[in-house]
Amino acid sequence: MLIPHPLLGPRDAQEFTYLGDASLLNRPDGMAEGALDAFNRHVYLRDNPAGVHRELWFHEQGDRSWLIVTRNTLTHEILGAELARDVALAQKGGAK
């Protein structure tokens, strides 16, 4: 399986470590009311979807970047990849 790295081009998936659902970037506020329960849900309660899904991958044997990879979990087709840094900044309304 080839992952289209946004900076380095197509890379073999063996260079990466799969880290789970990309929603892990959306950590709960540790100081908010009910933070303990929110972190429990964040860490332990996850969906296991079939179909198109956004995943977090770490380029361990490369430039050590974090990517958000959009992949169809039924066919393993990679639909795209973005730098996780850019996705996080866009979610916060920041510029690249």
PDB file of N, CA and C in Angstrom:
ATOM      1  N   MET A   1       0.857  -1.162   0.000  1.00  0.00           N
ATOM      2  CA  MET A   1       0.000   0.000   0.000  1.00  0.00           C
ATOM      3  C   MET A   1       0.910   1.235   0.000  1.00  0.00           C
ATOM      4  N   LEU A   2       0.625   2.169  -0.901  1.00  0.00           N
ATOM      5  CA  LEU A   2       1.395   3.408  -0.972  1.00  0.00           C
ATOM      6  C   LEU A   2       0.598   4.554  -0.364  1.00  0.00           C
ATOM      7  N   ILE A   3       1.266   5.340   0.452  1.00  0.00           N
ATOM      8  CA  ILE A   3       0.662   6.511   1.069  1.00  0.00           C
ATOM      9  C   ILE A   3       1.216   7.747   0.358  1.00  0.00           C
ATOM     10  N   PRO A   4       0.330   8.610  -0.180  1.00  0.00           N
ATOM     11  CA  PRO A   4       0.790   9.800  -0.895  1.00  0.00           C
ATOM     12  C   PRO A   4       1.216  10.909   0.074  1.00  0.00           C
ATOM     13  N   HIS A   5       2.450  10.858   0.516  1.00  0.00           N
ATOM     14  CA  HIS A   5       2.962  11.847   1.475  1.00  0.00           C
ATOM     15  C   HIS A   5       2.920  13.228   0.814  1.00  0.00           C
ATOM     16  N   PRO A   6       2.338  14.232   1.481  1.00  0.00           N
ATOM     17  CA  PRO A   6       2.204  15.557   0.875  1.00  0.00           C
ATOM     18  C   PRO A   6       3.535  16.238   0.552  1.00  0.00           C
ATOM     19  N   LEU A   7       4.614  15.878   1.236  1.00  0.00           N
ATOM     20  CA  LEU A   7       5.914  16.508   0.996  1.00  0.00           C
ATOM     21  C   LEU A   7       6.868  15.612   0.208  1.00  0.00           C
ATOM     22  N   LEU A   8       6.769  14.303   0.398  1.00  0.00           N
ATOM     23  CA  LEU A   8       7.757  13.373  -0.152  1.00  0.00           C
ATOM     24  C   LEU A   8       7.241  12.513  -1.302  1.00  0.00           C
ATOM     25  N   GLY A   9       5.973  12.621  -1.625  1.00  0.00           N
ATOM     26  CA  GLY A   9       5.400  11.792  -2.679  1.00  0.00           C
ATOM     27  C   GLY A   9       5.021  10.418  -2.161  1.00  0.00           C
ATOM     28  N   PRO A  10       4.728   9.469  -3.063  1.00  0.00           N
ATOM     29  CA  PRO A  10       4.281   8.138  -2.643  1.00  0.00           C
ATOM     30  C   PRO A  10       5.347   7.412  -1.805  1.00  0.00           C
ATOM     31  N   ARG A  11       4.912   6.902  -0.651  1.00  0.00           N
ATOM     32  CA  ARG A  11       5.805   6.169   0.262  1.00  0.00           C
ATOM     33  C   ARG A  11       5.133   4.852   0.634  1.00  0.00           C
ATOM     34  N   ASP A  12       5.936   3.812   0.825  1.00  0.00           N
ATOM     35  CA  ASP A  12       5.418   2.512   1.228  1.00  0.00           C
ATOM     36  C   ASP A  12       4.843   2.600   2.641  1.00  0.00           C
ATOM     37  N   ALA A  13       3.704   1.982   2.857  1.00  0.00           N
ATOM     38  CA  ALA A  13       3.045   2.027   4.169  1.00  0.00           C
ATOM     39  C   ALA A  13       3.910   1.426   5.273  1.00  0.00           C
ATOM     40  N   GLN A  14       4.890   0.582   4.916  1.00  0.00           N
ATOM     41  CA  GLN A  14       5.759  -0.019   5.921  1.00  0.00           C
ATOM     42  C   GLN A  14       6.661   1.012   6.601  1.00  0.00           C
ATOM     43  N   GLU A  15       6.799   2.192   6.003  1.00  0.00           N
ATOM     44  CA  GLU A  15       7.592   3.255   6.624  1.00  0.00           C
ATOM     45  C   GLU A  15       6.822   3.947   7.748  1.00  0.00           C
ATOM     46  N   PHE A  16       5.524   3.669   7.847  1.00  0.00           N
ATOM     47  CA  PHE A  16       4.641   4.378   8.770  1.00  0.00           C
ATOM     48  C   PHE A  16       4.169   3.483   9.906  1.00  0.00           C
ATOM     49  N   THR A  17       3.731   4.119  10.970  1.00  0.00           N
ATOM     50  CA  THR A  17       3.056   3.440  12.073  1.00  0.00           C
ATOM     51  C   THR A  17       1.631   3.977  12.127  1.00  0.00           C
ATOM     52  N   TYR A  18       0.667   3.078  12.117  1.00  0.00           N
ATOM     53  CA  TYR A  18      -0.749   3.435  12.199  1.00  0.00           C
ATOM     54  C   TYR A  18      -1.083   3.731  13.656  1.00  0.00           C
ATOM     55  N   LEU A  19      -1.741   4.870  13.898  1.00  0.00           N
ATOM     56  CA  LEU A  19      -2.014   5.261  15.282  1.00  0.00           C
ATOM     57  C   LEU A  19      -3.497   5.400  15.608  1.00  0.00           C
ATOM     58  N   GLY A  20      -4.376   5.066  14.674  1.00  0.00           N
ATOM     59  CA  GLY A  20      -5.802   5.072  14.982  1.00  0.00           C
ATOM     60  C   GLY A  20      -6.567   6.199  14.329  1.00  0.00           C
ATOM     61  N   ASP A  21      -7.744   6.412  14.843  1.00  0.00           N
ATOM     62  CA  ASP A  21      -8.694   7.395  14.338  1.00  0.00           C
ATOM     63  C   ASP A  21      -8.117   8.805  14.433  1.00  0.00           C
ATOM     64  N   ALA A  22      -8.268   9.581  13.382  1.00  0.00           N
ATOM     65  CA  ALA A  22      -7.736  10.950  13.356  1.00  0.00           C
ATOM     66  C   ALA A  22      -8.423  11.861  14.358  1.00  0.00           C
ATOM     67  N   SER A  23      -9.578  11.462  14.867  1.00  0.00           N
ATOM     68  CA  SER A  23     -10.250  12.299  15.865  1.00  0.00           C
ATOM     69  C   SER A  23      -9.455  12.375  17.171  1.00  0.00           C
ATOM     70  N   LEU A  24      -8.406  11.544  17.299  1.00  0.00           N
ATOM     71  CA  LEU A  24      -7.548  11.617  18.488  1.00  0.00           C
ATOM     72  C   LEU A  24      -6.877  12.985  18.612  1.00  0.00           C
ATOM     73  N   LEU A  25      -6.807  13.731  17.512  1.00  0.00           N
ATOM     74  CA  LEU A  25      -6.244  15.081  17.566  1.00  0.00           C
ATOM     75  C   LEU A  25      -7.127  16.028  18.381  1.00  0.00           C
ATOM     76  N   ASN A  26      -8.403  15.691  18.496  1.00  0.00           N
ATOM     77  CA  ASN A  26      -9.365  16.549  19.196  1.00  0.00           C
ATOM     78  C   ASN A  26      -9.462  16.153  20.667  1.00  0.00           C
ATOM     79  N   ARG A  27      -8.385  16.393  21.396  1.00  0.00           N
ATOM     80  CA  ARG A  27      -8.345  16.034  22.822  1.00  0.00           C
ATOM     81  C   ARG A  27      -9.298  16.897  23.627  1.00  0.00           C
ATOM     82  N   PRO A  28      -9.947  16.313  24.634  1.00  0.00           N
ATOM     83  CA  PRO A  28     -10.807  17.102  25.515  1.00  0.00           C
ATOM     84  C   PRO A  28      -9.985  18.082  26.350  1.00  0.00           C
ATOM     85  N   ASP A  29     -10.629  19.117  26.811  1.00  0.00           N
ATOM     86  CA  ASP A  29      -9.999  20.099  27.691  1.00  0.00           C
ATOM     87  C   ASP A  29      -9.836  19.467  29.074  1.00  0.00           C
ATOM     88  N   GLY A  30      -8.603  19.299  29.516  1.00  0.00           N
ATOM     89  CA  GLY A  30      -8.320  18.666  30.786  1.00  0.00           C
ATOM     90  C   GLY A  30      -8.764  19.467  31.997  1.00  0.00           C
ATOM     91  N   MET A  31      -9.088  20.735  31.801  1.00  0.00           N
ATOM     92  CA  MET A  31      -9.501  21.589  32.917  1.00  0.00           C
ATOM     93  C   MET A  31     -11.016  21.813  32.945  1.00  0.00           C
ATOM     94  N   ALA A  32     -11.725  21.274  31.960  1.00  0.00           N
ATOM     95  CA  ALA A  32     -13.168  21.496  31.877  1.00  0.00           C
ATOM     96  C   ALA A  32     -13.923  20.617  32.869  1.00  0.00           C
ATOM     97  N   GLU A  33     -15.158  20.994  33.138  1.00  0.00           N
ATOM     98  CA  GLU A  33     -16.056  20.197  33.971  1.00  0.00           C
ATOM     99  C   GLU A  33     -16.219  18.822  33.325  1.00  0.00           C
ATOM    100  N   GLY A  34     -16.094  17.762  34.075  1.00  0.00           N
ATOM    101  CA  GLY A  34     -16.251  16.404  33.560  1.00  0.00           C
ATOM    102  C   GLY A  34     -15.079  15.919  32.723  1.00  0.00           C
ATOM    103  N   ALA A  35     -13.903  16.504  32.956  1.00  0.00           N
ATOM    104  CA  ALA A  35     -12.728  16.163  32.138  1.00  0.00           C
ATOM    105  C   ALA A  35     -12.350  14.691  32.255  1.00  0.00           C
ATOM    106  N   LEU A  36     -12.451  14.114  33.428  1.00  0.00           N
ATOM    107  CA  LEU A  36     -12.079  12.708  33.617  1.00  0.00           C
ATOM    108  C   LEU A  36     -12.950  11.797  32.752  1.00  0.00           C
ATOM    109  N   ASP A  37     -14.235  12.033  32.754  1.00  0.00           N
ATOM    110  CA  ASP A  37     -15.149  11.233  31.935  1.00  0.00           C
ATOM    111  C   ASP A  37     -14.888  11.476  30.448  1.00  0.00           C
ATOM    112  N   ALA A  38     -14.626  12.724  30.075  1.00  0.00           N
ATOM    113  CA  ALA A  38     -14.347  13.044  28.671  1.00  0.00           C
ATOM    114  C   ALA A  38     -13.080  12.348  28.184  1.00  0.00           C
ATOM    115  N   PHE A  39     -12.035  12.325  29.015  1.00  0.00           N
ATOM    116  CA  PHE A  39     -10.799  11.640  28.627  1.00  0.00           C
ATOM    117  C   PHE A  39     -11.004  10.126  28.560  1.00  0.00           C
ATOM    118  N   ASN A  40     -11.804   9.583  29.456  1.00  0.00           N
ATOM    119  CA  ASN A  40     -12.107   8.150  29.411  1.00  0.00           C
ATOM    120  C   ASN A  40     -12.771   7.791  28.084  1.00  0.00           C
ATOM    121  N   ARG A  41     -13.769   8.574  27.668  1.00  0.00           N
ATOM    122  CA  ARG A  41     -14.437   8.330  26.381  1.00  0.00           C
ATOM    123  C   ARG A  41     -13.447   8.508  25.227  1.00  0.00           C
ATOM    124  N   HIS A  42     -12.615   9.544  25.303  1.00  0.00           N
ATOM    125  CA  HIS A  42     -11.650   9.857  24.243  1.00  0.00           C
ATOM    126  C   HIS A  42     -10.645   8.719  24.034  1.00  0.00           C
ATOM    127  N   VAL A  43     -10.183   8.125  25.113  1.00  0.00           N
ATOM    128  CA  VAL A  43      -9.143   7.101  25.029  1.00  0.00           C
ATOM    129  C   VAL A  43      -9.711   5.709  24.741  1.00  0.00           C
ATOM    130  N   TYR A  44     -10.833   5.359  25.368  1.00  0.00           N
ATOM    131  CA  TYR A  44     -11.286   3.978  25.327  1.00  0.00           C
ATOM    132  C   TYR A  44     -12.498   3.689  24.448  1.00  0.00           C
ATOM    133  N   LEU A  45     -13.316   4.668  24.164  1.00  0.00           N
ATOM    134  CA  LEU A  45     -14.538   4.414  23.400  1.00  0.00           C
ATOM    135  C   LEU A  45     -14.372   4.942  21.985  1.00  0.00           C
ATOM    136  N   ARG A  46     -14.111   4.030  21.060  1.00  0.00           N
ATOM    137  CA  ARG A  46     -13.877   4.425  19.668  1.00  0.00           C
ATOM    138  C   ARG A  46     -14.738   3.602  18.731  1.00  0.00           C
ATOM    139  N   ASP A  47     -15.076   4.210  17.597  1.00  0.00           N
ATOM    140  CA  ASP A  47     -15.811   3.499  16.556  1.00  0.00           C
ATOM    141  C   ASP A  47     -14.841   2.680  15.722  1.00  0.00           C
ATOM    142  N   ASN A  48     -15.366   1.665  15.074  1.00  0.00           N
ATOM    143  CA  ASN A  48     -14.589   0.848  14.144  1.00  0.00           C
ATOM    144  C   ASN A  48     -15.357   0.833  12.823  1.00  0.00           C
ATOM    145  N   PRO A  49     -15.266   1.937  12.063  1.00  0.00           N
ATOM    146  CA  PRO A  49     -16.118   2.087  10.886  1.00  0.00           C
ATOM    147  C   PRO A  49     -15.678   1.234   9.702  1.00  0.00           C
ATOM    148  N   ALA A  50     -16.644   0.885   8.872  1.00  0.00           N
ATOM    149  CA  ALA A  50     -16.376   0.240   7.592  1.00  0.00           C
ATOM    150  C   ALA A  50     -16.649   1.282   6.521  1.00  0.00           C
ATOM    151  N   GLY A  51     -15.665   1.503   5.662  1.00  0.00           N
ATOM    152  CA  GLY A  51     -15.819   2.505   4.609  1.00  0.00           C
ATOM    153  C   GLY A  51     -14.769   3.591   4.742  1.00  0.00           C
ATOM    154  N   VAL A  52     -15.089   4.772   4.225  1.00  0.00           N
ATOM    155  CA  VAL A  52     -14.133   5.878   4.217  1.00  0.00           C
ATOM    156  C   VAL A  52     -13.928   6.391   5.643  1.00  0.00           C
ATOM    157  N   HIS A  53     -12.668   6.533   6.005  1.00  0.00           N
ATOM    158  CA  HIS A  53     -12.306   6.871   7.385  1.00  0.00           C
ATOM    159  C   HIS A  53     -11.018   7.692   7.375  1.00  0.00           C
ATOM    160  N   ARG A  54     -10.899   8.641   8.312  1.00  0.00           N
ATOM    161  CA  ARG A  54      -9.678   9.443   8.456  1.00  0.00           C
ATOM    162  C   ARG A  54      -8.851   8.866   9.594  1.00  0.00           C
ATOM    163  N   GLU A  55      -7.560   8.604   9.297  1.00  0.00           N
ATOM    164  CA  GLU A  55      -6.681   7.916  10.247  1.00  0.00           C
ATOM    165  C   GLU A  55      -5.409   8.716  10.487  1.00  0.00           C
ATOM    166  N   LEU A  56      -4.819   8.498  11.630  1.00  0.00           N
ATOM    167  CA  LEU A  56      -3.567   9.142  12.007  1.00  0.00           C
ATOM    168  C   LEU A  56      -2.417   8.166  11.764  1.00  0.00           C
ATOM    169  N   TRP A  57      -1.428   8.592  10.963  1.00  0.00           N
ATOM    170  CA  TRP A  57      -0.249   7.772  10.641  1.00  0.00           C
ATOM    171  C   TRP A  57       0.999   8.584  10.952  1.00  0.00           C
ATOM    172  N   PHE A  58       2.028   7.916  11.466  1.00  0.00           N
ATOM    173  CA  PHE A  58       3.306   8.552  11.810  1.00  0.00           C
ATOM    174  C   PHE A  58       4.389   8.015  10.882  1.00  0.00           C
ATOM    175  N   HIS A  59       5.113   8.903  10.205  1.00  0.00           N
ATOM    176  CA  HIS A  59       6.164   8.497   9.255  1.00  0.00           C
ATOM    177  C   HIS A  59       7.444   8.201  10.038  1.00  0.00           C
ATOM    178  N   GLU A  60       7.416   7.084  10.713  1.00  0.00           N
ATOM    179  CA  GLU A  60       8.487   6.690  11.634  1.00  0.00           C
ATOM    180  C   GLU A  60       9.826   6.476  10.937  1.00  0.00           C
ATOM    181  N   GLN A  61       9.812   5.863   9.764  1.00  0.00           N
ATOM    182  CA  GLN A  61      11.061   5.556   9.064  1.00  0.00           C
ATOM    183  C   GLN A  61      11.315   6.551   7.937  1.00  0.00           C
ATOM    184  N   GLY A  62      10.898   7.780   8.152  1.00  0.00           N
ATOM    185  CA  GLY A  62      11.086   8.818   7.146  1.00  0.00           C
ATOM    186  C   GLY A  62      11.347  10.147   7.821  1.00  0.00           C
ATOM    187  N   ASP A  63      10.532  11.135   7.481  1.00  0.00           N
ATOM    188  CA  ASP A  63      10.756  12.483   8.023  1.00  0.00           C
ATOM    189  C   ASP A  63      10.092  12.704   9.379  1.00  0.00           C
ATOM    190  N   ARG A  64       9.485  11.657   9.955  1.00  0.00           N
ATOM    191  CA  ARG A  64       8.874  11.679  11.283  1.00  0.00           C
ATOM    192  C   ARG A  64       7.697  12.647  11.359  1.00  0.00           C
ATOM    193  N   SER A  65       7.023  12.827  10.245  1.00  0.00           N
ATOM    194  CA  SER A  65       5.837  13.681  10.214  1.00  0.00           C
ATOM    195  C   SER A  65       4.594  12.866  10.584  1.00  0.00           C
ATOM    196  N   TRP A  66       3.560  13.574  11.000  1.00  0.00           N
ATOM    197  CA  TRP A  66       2.269  12.982  11.316  1.00  0.00           C
ATOM    198  C   TRP A  66       1.337  13.315  10.157  1.00  0.00           C
ATOM    199  N   LEU A  67       0.614  12.304   9.672  1.00  0.00           N
ATOM    200  CA  LEU A  67      -0.302  12.503   8.556  1.00  0.00           C
ATOM    201  C   LEU A  67      -1.717  12.104   8.943  1.00  0.00           C
ATOM    202  N   ILE A  68      -2.678  12.772   8.337  1.00  0.00           N
ATOM    203  CA  ILE A  68      -4.067  12.336   8.370  1.00  0.00           C
ATOM    204  C   ILE A  68      -4.309  11.694   7.012  1.00  0.00           C
ATOM    205  N   VAL A  69      -4.539  10.392   7.011  1.00  0.00           N
ATOM    206  CA  VAL A  69      -4.741   9.636   5.781  1.00  0.00           C
ATOM    207  C   VAL A  69      -6.225   9.286   5.681  1.00  0.00           C
ATOM    208  N   THR A  70      -6.826   9.611   4.549  1.00  0.00           N
ATOM    209  CA  THR A  70      -8.210   9.217   4.299  1.00  0.00           C
ATOM    210  C   THR A  70      -8.168   7.924   3.505  1.00  0.00           C
ATOM    211  N   ARG A  71      -8.776   6.868   4.094  1.00  0.00           N
ATOM    212  CA  ARG A  71      -8.662   5.523   3.528  1.00  0.00           C
ATOM    213  C   ARG A  71     -10.003   4.813   3.611  1.00  0.00           C
ATOM    214  N   ASN A  72     -10.305   4.017   2.598  1.00  0.00           N
ATOM    215  CA  ASN A  72     -11.474   3.164   2.631  1.00  0.00           C
ATOM    216  C   ASN A  72     -11.066   1.871   3.342  1.00  0.00           C
ATOM    217  N   THR A  73     -11.644   1.622   4.502  1.00  0.00           N
ATOM    218  CA  THR A  73     -11.243   0.460   5.301  1.00  0.00           C
ATOM    219  C   THR A  73     -11.727  -0.862   4.707  1.00  0.00           C
ATOM    220  N   LEU A  74     -12.658  -0.816   3.753  1.00  0.00           N
ATOM    221  CA  LEU A  74     -13.118  -2.048   3.103  1.00  0.00           C
ATOM    222  C   LEU A  74     -12.182  -2.478   1.981  1.00  0.00           C
ATOM    223  N   THR A  75     -11.655  -1.500   1.233  1.00  0.00           N
ATOM    224  CA  THR A  75     -10.820  -1.803   0.064  1.00  0.00           C
ATOM    225  C   THR A  75      -9.345  -1.471   0.289  1.00  0.00           C
ATOM    226  N   HIS A  76      -9.028  -0.756   1.344  1.00  0.00           N
ATOM    227  CA  HIS A  76      -7.691  -0.240   1.663  1.00  0.00           C
ATOM    228  C   HIS A  76      -7.223   0.837   0.679  1.00  0.00           C
ATOM    229  N   GLU A  77      -8.128   1.328  -0.171  1.00  0.00           N
ATOM    230  CA  GLU A  77      -7.777   2.393  -1.108  1.00  0.00           C
ATOM    231  C   GLU A  77      -7.492   3.681  -0.333  1.00  0.00           C
ATOM    232  N   ILE A  78      -6.348   4.280  -0.627  1.00  0.00           N
ATOM    233  CA  ILE A  78      -5.973   5.560  -0.015  1.00  0.00           C
ATOM    234  C   ILE A  78      -6.553   6.676  -0.881  1.00  0.00           C
ATOM    235  N   LEU A  79      -7.364   7.530  -0.288  1.00  0.00           N
ATOM    236  CA  LEU A  79      -8.026   8.605  -1.017  1.00  0.00           C
ATOM    237  C   LEU A  79      -7.284   9.925  -0.905  1.00  0.00           C
ATOM    238  N   GLY A  80      -6.359  10.035   0.055  1.00  0.00           N
ATOM    239  CA  GLY A  80      -5.588  11.260   0.218  1.00  0.00           C
ATOM    240  C   GLY A  80      -4.847  11.269   1.539  1.00  0.00           C
ATOM    241  N   ALA A  81      -3.938  12.219   1.653  1.00  0.00           N
ATOM    242  CA  ALA A  81      -3.166  12.381   2.893  1.00  0.00           C
ATOM    243  C   ALA A  81      -2.824  13.853   3.069  1.00  0.00           C
ATOM    244  N   GLU A  82      -2.874  14.306   4.309  1.00  0.00           N
ATOM    245  CA  GLU A  82      -2.554  15.687   4.657  1.00  0.00           C
ATOM    246  C   GLU A  82      -1.637  15.683   5.868  1.00  0.00           C
ATOM    247  N   LEU A  83      -0.841  16.717   6.006  1.00  0.00           N
ATOM    248  CA  LEU A  83      -0.044  16.854   7.220  1.00  0.00           C
ATOM    249  C   LEU A  83      -0.988  17.124   8.386  1.00  0.00           C
ATOM    250  N   ALA A  84      -0.834  16.388   9.459  1.00  0.00           N
ATOM    251  CA  ALA A  84      -1.696  16.562  10.627  1.00  0.00           C
ATOM    252  C   ALA A  84      -1.593  17.979  11.177  1.00  0.00           C
ATOM    253  N   ARG A  85      -0.408  18.577  11.083  1.00  0.00           N
ATOM    254  CA  ARG A  85      -0.203  19.953  11.539  1.00  0.00           C
ATOM    255  C   ARG A  85      -1.146  20.898  10.800  1.00  0.00           C
ATOM    256  N   ASP A  86      -1.262  20.743   9.477  1.00  0.00           N
ATOM    257  CA  ASP A  86      -2.120  21.608   8.679  1.00  0.00           C
ATOM    258  C   ASP A  86      -3.595  21.408   9.021  1.00  0.00           C
ATOM    259  N   VAL A  87      -3.989  20.164   9.254  1.00  0.00           N
ATOM    260  CA  VAL A  87      -5.371  19.861   9.622  1.00  0.00           C
ATOM    261  C   VAL A  87      -5.700  20.482  10.972  1.00  0.00           C
ATOM    262  N   ALA A  88      -4.790  20.346  11.949  1.00  0.00           N
ATOM    263  CA  ALA A  88      -5.021  20.911  13.286  1.00  0.00           C
ATOM    264  C   ALA A  88      -5.123  22.429  13.232  1.00  0.00           C
ATOM    265  N   LEU A  89      -4.267  23.061  12.454  1.00  0.00           N
ATOM    266  CA  LEU A  89      -4.322  24.524  12.322  1.00  0.00           C
ATOM    267  C   LEU A  89      -5.624  24.961  11.659  1.00  0.00           C
ATOM    268  N   ALA A  90      -6.077  24.245  10.642  1.00  0.00           N
ATOM    269  CA  ALA A  90      -7.317  24.589   9.959  1.00  0.00           C
ATOM    270  C   ALA A  90      -8.509  24.443  10.903  1.00  0.00           C
ATOM    271  N   GLN A  91      -8.489  23.428  11.775  1.00  0.00           N
ATOM    272  CA  GLN A  91      -9.573  23.224  12.727  1.00  0.00           C
ATOM    273  C   GLN A  91      -9.632  24.349  13.734  1.00  0.00           C
ATOM    274  N   LYS A  92      -8.489  24.926  14.049  1.00  0.00           N
ATOM    275  CA  LYS A  92      -8.433  26.029  15.019  1.00  0.00           C
ATOM    276  C   LYS A  92      -8.625  27.382  14.352  1.00  0.00           C
ATOM    277  N   GLY A  93      -8.751  27.372  13.025  1.00  0.00           N
ATOM    278  CA  GLY A  93      -8.961  28.626  12.308  1.00  0.00           C
ATOM    279  C   GLY A  93      -7.678  29.374  12.015  1.00  0.00           C
ATOM    280  N   GLY A  94      -6.522  28.716  12.187  1.00  0.00           N
ATOM    281  CA  GLY A  94      -5.226  29.358  11.945  1.00  0.00           C
ATOM    282  C   GLY A  94      -4.790  29.215  10.510  1.00  0.00           C
ATOM    283  N   ALA A  95      -3.778  29.945  10.171  1.00  0.00           N
ATOM    284  CA  ALA A  95      -3.206  29.871   8.826  1.00  0.00           C
ATOM    285  C   ALA A  95      -2.048  28.883   8.841  1.00  0.00           C
ATOM    286  N   LYS A  96      -1.695  28.404   7.649  1.00  0.00           N
ATOM    287  CA  LYS A  96      -0.562  27.479   7.517  1.00  0.00           C
ATOM    288  C   LYS A  96       0.734  28.226   7.664  1.00  0.00           C
TER     289      LYS A  96
END
